[in-house]
């Protein structure tokens, strides 16, 4: 039984051709691991607080934000299970 997470290999040339023809090429990408960049505006007081906490923990601001948001998402999921 083939794992669903394994994507079928295809050459870049073939992939380009399929894409140019309008074919769906999404089966060749693992969208669960995709990263999307966003911009978020924070007030100065919040940035100072984030920087203080990230310095205390020895991680950068982005890592702190990711950890905190990830924790909140996990807590929401756990509450939904109850």
C-alpha atoms as a PDB file:
ATOM      1  CA  UNK A   1       0.000   0.000   0.000  1.00  0.00           C
ATOM      2  CA  UNK A   2       1.490   3.294  -1.095  1.00  0.00           C
ATOM      3  CA  UNK A   3       1.725   6.077   1.481  1.00  0.00           C
ATOM      4  CA  UNK A   4      -0.506   9.017   0.650  1.00  0.00           C
ATOM      5  CA  UNK A   5       2.184  11.420   1.829  1.00  0.00           C
ATOM      6  CA  UNK A   6       4.608  10.275  -0.876  1.00  0.00           C
ATOM      7  CA  UNK A   7       4.227  12.294  -4.061  1.00  0.00           C
ATOM      8  CA  UNK A   8       4.889  10.783  -7.481  1.00  0.00           C
ATOM      9  CA  UNK A   9       8.171  11.991  -9.003  1.00  0.00           C
ATOM     10  CA  UNK A  10       8.012  14.012 -12.171  1.00  0.00           C
ATOM     11  CA  UNK A  11      10.620  16.008 -14.072  1.00  0.00           C
ATOM     12  CA  UNK A  12      10.545  19.787 -13.961  1.00  0.00           C
ATOM     13  CA  UNK A  13      10.068  19.867 -17.730  1.00  0.00           C
ATOM     14  CA  UNK A  14       7.021  17.581 -17.538  1.00  0.00           C
ATOM     15  CA  UNK A  15       5.617  19.549 -14.612  1.00  0.00           C
ATOM     16  CA  UNK A  16       6.054  22.831 -16.501  1.00  0.00           C
ATOM     17  CA  UNK A  17       4.328  21.391 -19.552  1.00  0.00           C
ATOM     18  CA  UNK A  18       1.375  20.118 -17.502  1.00  0.00           C
ATOM     19  CA  UNK A  19       1.084  23.457 -15.714  1.00  0.00           C
ATOM     20  CA  UNK A  20       1.246  25.426 -18.974  1.00  0.00           C
ATOM     21  CA  UNK A  21      -1.539  23.232 -20.383  1.00  0.00           C
ATOM     22  CA  UNK A  22      -3.703  24.130 -17.406  1.00  0.00           C
ATOM     23  CA  UNK A  23      -3.515  20.687 -15.805  1.00  0.00           C
ATOM     24  CA  UNK A  24      -3.816  20.301 -12.039  1.00  0.00           C
ATOM     25  CA  UNK A  25      -0.283  19.725 -10.742  1.00  0.00           C
ATOM     26  CA  UNK A  26      -1.102  19.975  -7.024  1.00  0.00           C
ATOM     27  CA  UNK A  27      -0.683  16.203  -6.562  1.00  0.00           C
ATOM     28  CA  UNK A  28       3.070  16.751  -6.943  1.00  0.00           C
ATOM     29  CA  UNK A  29       3.344  19.084  -3.934  1.00  0.00           C
ATOM     30  CA  UNK A  30       3.014  18.493  -0.200  1.00  0.00           C
ATOM     31  CA  UNK A  31       0.766  21.414   0.696  1.00  0.00           C
ATOM     32  CA  UNK A  32       0.736  20.489   4.392  1.00  0.00           C
ATOM     33  CA  UNK A  33       4.348  21.641   4.633  1.00  0.00           C
ATOM     34  CA  UNK A  34       3.893  24.813   2.593  1.00  0.00           C
ATOM     35  CA  UNK A  35       4.892  28.096   4.207  1.00  0.00           C
ATOM     36  CA  UNK A  36       3.094  31.311   3.517  1.00  0.00           C
ATOM     37  CA  UNK A  37       4.524  34.660   4.521  1.00  0.00           C
ATOM     38  CA  UNK A  38       2.297  37.263   6.080  1.00  0.00           C
ATOM     39  CA  UNK A  39       2.814  40.761   7.435  1.00  0.00           C
ATOM     40  CA  UNK A  40       1.410  41.704  10.804  1.00  0.00           C
ATOM     41  CA  UNK A  41       1.522  45.199  12.264  1.00  0.00           C
ATOM     42  CA  UNK A  42       2.150  45.366  16.016  1.00  0.00           C
ATOM     43  CA  UNK A  43       2.070  48.443  18.240  1.00  0.00           C
ATOM     44  CA  UNK A  44       5.473  49.479  19.608  1.00  0.00           C
ATOM     45  CA  UNK A  45       4.573  48.507  23.185  1.00  0.00           C
ATOM     46  CA  UNK A  46       3.761  44.979  22.008  1.00  0.00           C
ATOM     47  CA  UNK A  47       7.019  44.661  20.078  1.00  0.00           C
ATOM     48  CA  UNK A  48       8.955  45.731  23.173  1.00  0.00           C
ATOM     49  CA  UNK A  49       7.165  43.100  25.252  1.00  0.00           C
ATOM     50  CA  UNK A  50       7.799  40.440  22.584  1.00  0.00           C
ATOM     51  CA  UNK A  51      11.470  41.371  22.411  1.00  0.00           C
ATOM     52  CA  UNK A  52      11.854  41.239  26.198  1.00  0.00           C
ATOM     53  CA  UNK A  53      10.240  37.806  26.392  1.00  0.00           C
ATOM     54  CA  UNK A  54      12.149  36.434  23.400  1.00  0.00           C
ATOM     55  CA  UNK A  55      15.423  37.656  24.921  1.00  0.00           C
ATOM     56  CA  UNK A  56      14.526  36.061  28.262  1.00  0.00           C
ATOM     57  CA  UNK A  57      13.852  32.738  26.515  1.00  0.00           C
ATOM     58  CA  UNK A  58      16.869  33.003  24.220  1.00  0.00           C
ATOM     59  CA  UNK A  59      14.880  32.803  20.983  1.00  0.00           C
ATOM     60  CA  UNK A  60      14.122  35.353  18.298  1.00  0.00           C
ATOM     61  CA  UNK A  61      10.878  37.297  18.033  1.00  0.00           C
ATOM     62  CA  UNK A  62       9.528  35.245  15.119  1.00  0.00           C
ATOM     63  CA  UNK A  63      10.120  31.979  16.953  1.00  0.00           C
ATOM     64  CA  UNK A  64       8.332  33.331  20.026  1.00  0.00           C
ATOM     65  CA  UNK A  65       5.318  34.410  17.988  1.00  0.00           C
ATOM     66  CA  UNK A  66       5.158  31.004  16.258  1.00  0.00           C
ATOM     67  CA  UNK A  67       5.366  29.161  19.577  1.00  0.00           C
ATOM     68  CA  UNK A  68       2.673  31.303  21.201  1.00  0.00           C
ATOM     69  CA  UNK A  69       0.300  31.050  18.247  1.00  0.00           C
ATOM     70  CA  UNK A  70       0.940  27.303  17.985  1.00  0.00           C
ATOM     71  CA  UNK A  71       0.163  26.911  21.694  1.00  0.00           C
ATOM     72  CA  UNK A  72      -3.108  28.811  21.311  1.00  0.00           C
ATOM     73  CA  UNK A  73      -4.169  26.731  18.302  1.00  0.00           C
ATOM     74  CA  UNK A  74      -3.408  23.518  20.195  1.00  0.00           C
ATOM     75  CA  UNK A  75      -5.418  24.731  23.207  1.00  0.00           C
ATOM     76  CA  UNK A  76      -8.380  25.555  20.946  1.00  0.00           C
ATOM     77  CA  UNK A  77      -8.207  22.079  19.400  1.00  0.00           C
ATOM     78  CA  UNK A  78      -8.126  20.461  22.825  1.00  0.00           C
ATOM     79  CA  UNK A  79     -11.181  22.465  23.964  1.00  0.00           C
ATOM     80  CA  UNK A  80     -13.090  21.368  20.863  1.00  0.00           C
ATOM     81  CA  UNK A  81     -12.414  17.695  21.712  1.00  0.00           C
ATOM     82  CA  UNK A  82     -14.025  18.019  25.132  1.00  0.00           C
END
